[in-house]
Amino acid sequence: GHIFVDKSGPSKIKATIEHAHHVLQDGTSLVVFPEGARTFTGHMGYFKRGAFQLADELQLPVVPLTIIGSFNVLPRTGG
């Protein structure tokens, strides 16, 4: 499954974080892309705080992983 992040307003983002909170409390693991979107350059972007705040609040481990080469396969060029 997945959790879609509706970025159309603060209340929508808050609802998404609350949903993720319940999913994590139920013991489901999540893969999070903390940049929030692909970049136009392929370089790493700035991270959003939400996932890290949830992990801290729920005392859950964060396991870093890297995906290399995705920009070559699926660049963010519009369209």
C-alpha atoms as a PDB file:
ATOM      1  CA  GLY A   1       0.000   0.000   0.000  1.00  0.00           C
ATOM      2  CA  HIS A   2       0.921   3.628   0.178  1.00  0.00           C
ATOM      3  CA  ILE A   3      -0.002   6.851   1.918  1.00  0.00           C
ATOM      4  CA  PHE A   4      -0.640   9.717  -0.491  1.00  0.00           C
ATOM      5  CA  VAL A   5       0.426  13.114   0.847  1.00  0.00           C
ATOM      6  CA  ASP A   6      -2.132  15.754  -0.111  1.00  0.00           C
ATOM      7  CA  LYS A   7      -0.091  18.980  -0.094  1.00  0.00           C
ATOM      8  CA  SER A   8      -3.053  21.243  -0.909  1.00  0.00           C
ATOM      9  CA  GLY A   9      -3.114  22.777   2.560  1.00  0.00           C
ATOM     10  CA  PRO A  10      -1.880  22.484   6.152  1.00  0.00           C
ATOM     11  CA  SER A  11      -4.976  20.606   7.346  1.00  0.00           C
ATOM     12  CA  LYS A  12      -4.532  17.994   4.596  1.00  0.00           C
ATOM     13  CA  ILE A  13      -0.878  17.515   5.490  1.00  0.00           C
ATOM     14  CA  LYS A  14      -1.791  17.195   9.177  1.00  0.00           C
ATOM     15  CA  ALA A  15      -4.420  14.560   8.323  1.00  0.00           C
ATOM     16  CA  THR A  16      -1.812  12.606   6.362  1.00  0.00           C
ATOM     17  CA  ILE A  17       0.624  12.694   9.281  1.00  0.00           C
ATOM     18  CA  GLU A  18      -2.119  11.531  11.660  1.00  0.00           C
ATOM     19  CA  HIS A  19      -2.955   8.657   9.300  1.00  0.00           C
ATOM     20  CA  ALA A  20       0.724   7.666   9.135  1.00  0.00           C
ATOM     21  CA  HIS A  21       0.872   7.838  12.943  1.00  0.00           C
ATOM     22  CA  HIS A  22      -1.953   5.279  13.225  1.00  0.00           C
ATOM     23  CA  VAL A  23      -0.403   3.024  10.582  1.00  0.00           C
ATOM     24  CA  LEU A  24       2.928   3.047  12.422  1.00  0.00           C
ATOM     25  CA  GLN A  25       1.264   2.462  15.798  1.00  0.00           C
ATOM     26  CA  ASP A  26      -0.379  -0.632  14.320  1.00  0.00           C
ATOM     27  CA  GLY A  27       3.085  -2.030  13.591  1.00  0.00           C
ATOM     28  CA  THR A  28       3.280  -1.428   9.850  1.00  0.00           C
ATOM     29  CA  SER A  29       6.638  -0.292   8.491  1.00  0.00           C
ATOM     30  CA  LEU A  30       6.767   2.626   6.084  1.00  0.00           C
ATOM     31  CA  VAL A  31       9.237   3.609   3.404  1.00  0.00           C
ATOM     32  CA  VAL A  32       9.425   7.389   3.290  1.00  0.00           C
ATOM     33  CA  PHE A  33      10.977   9.634   0.676  1.00  0.00           C
ATOM     34  CA  PRO A  34      11.677  12.624   2.944  1.00  0.00           C
ATOM     35  CA  GLU A  35      12.426  15.046   0.115  1.00  0.00           C
ATOM     36  CA  GLY A  36       8.738  15.025  -0.774  1.00  0.00           C
ATOM     37  CA  ALA A  37       9.305  15.066  -4.540  1.00  0.00           C
ATOM     38  CA  ARG A  38      11.845  14.217  -7.191  1.00  0.00           C
ATOM     39  CA  THR A  39      14.288  16.984  -8.048  1.00  0.00           C
ATOM     40  CA  PHE A  40      14.807  18.517 -11.480  1.00  0.00           C
ATOM     41  CA  THR A  41      18.578  17.933 -11.252  1.00  0.00           C
ATOM     42  CA  GLY A  42      18.780  14.419  -9.852  1.00  0.00           C
ATOM     43  CA  HIS A  43      20.666  15.693  -6.803  1.00  0.00           C
ATOM     44  CA  MET A  44      19.366  15.110  -3.307  1.00  0.00           C
ATOM     45  CA  GLY A  45      16.909  17.748  -2.105  1.00  0.00           C
ATOM     46  CA  TYR A  46      16.180  19.080   1.355  1.00  0.00           C
ATOM     47  CA  PHE A  47      14.334  16.732   3.706  1.00  0.00           C
ATOM     48  CA  LYS A  48      10.924  17.476   5.191  1.00  0.00           C
ATOM     49  CA  ARG A  49      10.584  16.961   8.959  1.00  0.00           C
ATOM     50  CA  GLY A  50       7.349  14.973   9.265  1.00  0.00           C
ATOM     51  CA  ALA A  51       8.645  11.418   8.990  1.00  0.00           C
ATOM     52  CA  PHE A  52      11.498  12.090  11.387  1.00  0.00           C
ATOM     53  CA  GLN A  53       9.165  13.714  13.910  1.00  0.00           C
ATOM     54  CA  LEU A  54       6.896  10.659  13.774  1.00  0.00           C
ATOM     55  CA  ALA A  55       9.827   8.292  14.264  1.00  0.00           C
ATOM     56  CA  ASP A  56      11.023  10.336  17.232  1.00  0.00           C
ATOM     57  CA  GLU A  57       7.564  10.616  18.770  1.00  0.00           C
ATOM     58  CA  LEU A  58       6.885   6.879  18.434  1.00  0.00           C
ATOM     59  CA  GLN A  59      10.487   5.893  19.287  1.00  0.00           C
ATOM     60  CA  LEU A  60      10.865   3.986  16.013  1.00  0.00           C
ATOM     61  CA  PRO A  61      14.148   3.249  14.253  1.00  0.00           C
ATOM     62  CA  VAL A  62      15.059   5.059  11.052  1.00  0.00           C
ATOM     63  CA  VAL A  63      16.894   2.834   8.573  1.00  0.00           C
ATOM     64  CA  PRO A  64      18.527   4.933   5.847  1.00  0.00           C
ATOM     65  CA  LEU A  65      18.667   3.612   2.314  1.00  0.00           C
ATOM     66  CA  THR A  66      19.767   5.067  -0.995  1.00  0.00           C
ATOM     67  CA  ILE A  67      18.309   4.615  -4.456  1.00  0.00           C
ATOM     68  CA  ILE A  68      20.940   5.358  -7.077  1.00  0.00           C
ATOM     69  CA  GLY A  69      20.133   5.928 -10.732  1.00  0.00           C
ATOM     70  CA  SER A  70      16.395   6.587 -10.517  1.00  0.00           C
ATOM     71  CA  PHE A  71      16.802  10.013 -12.152  1.00  0.00           C
ATOM     72  CA  ASN A  72      18.256   8.331 -15.241  1.00  0.00           C
ATOM     73  CA  VAL A  73      15.204   6.084 -15.520  1.00  0.00           C
ATOM     74  CA  LEU A  74      12.520   8.550 -14.440  1.00  0.00           C
ATOM     75  CA  PRO A  75      13.728  12.171 -14.641  1.00  0.00           C
ATOM     76  CA  ARG A  76      11.490  14.967 -13.445  1.00  0.00           C
ATOM     77  CA  THR A  77      11.161  16.880 -16.679  1.00  0.00           C
ATOM     78  CA  GLY A  78       7.451  17.633 -16.582  1.00  0.00           C
ATOM     79  CA  GLY A  79       4.702  16.009 -18.594  1.00  0.00           C
END
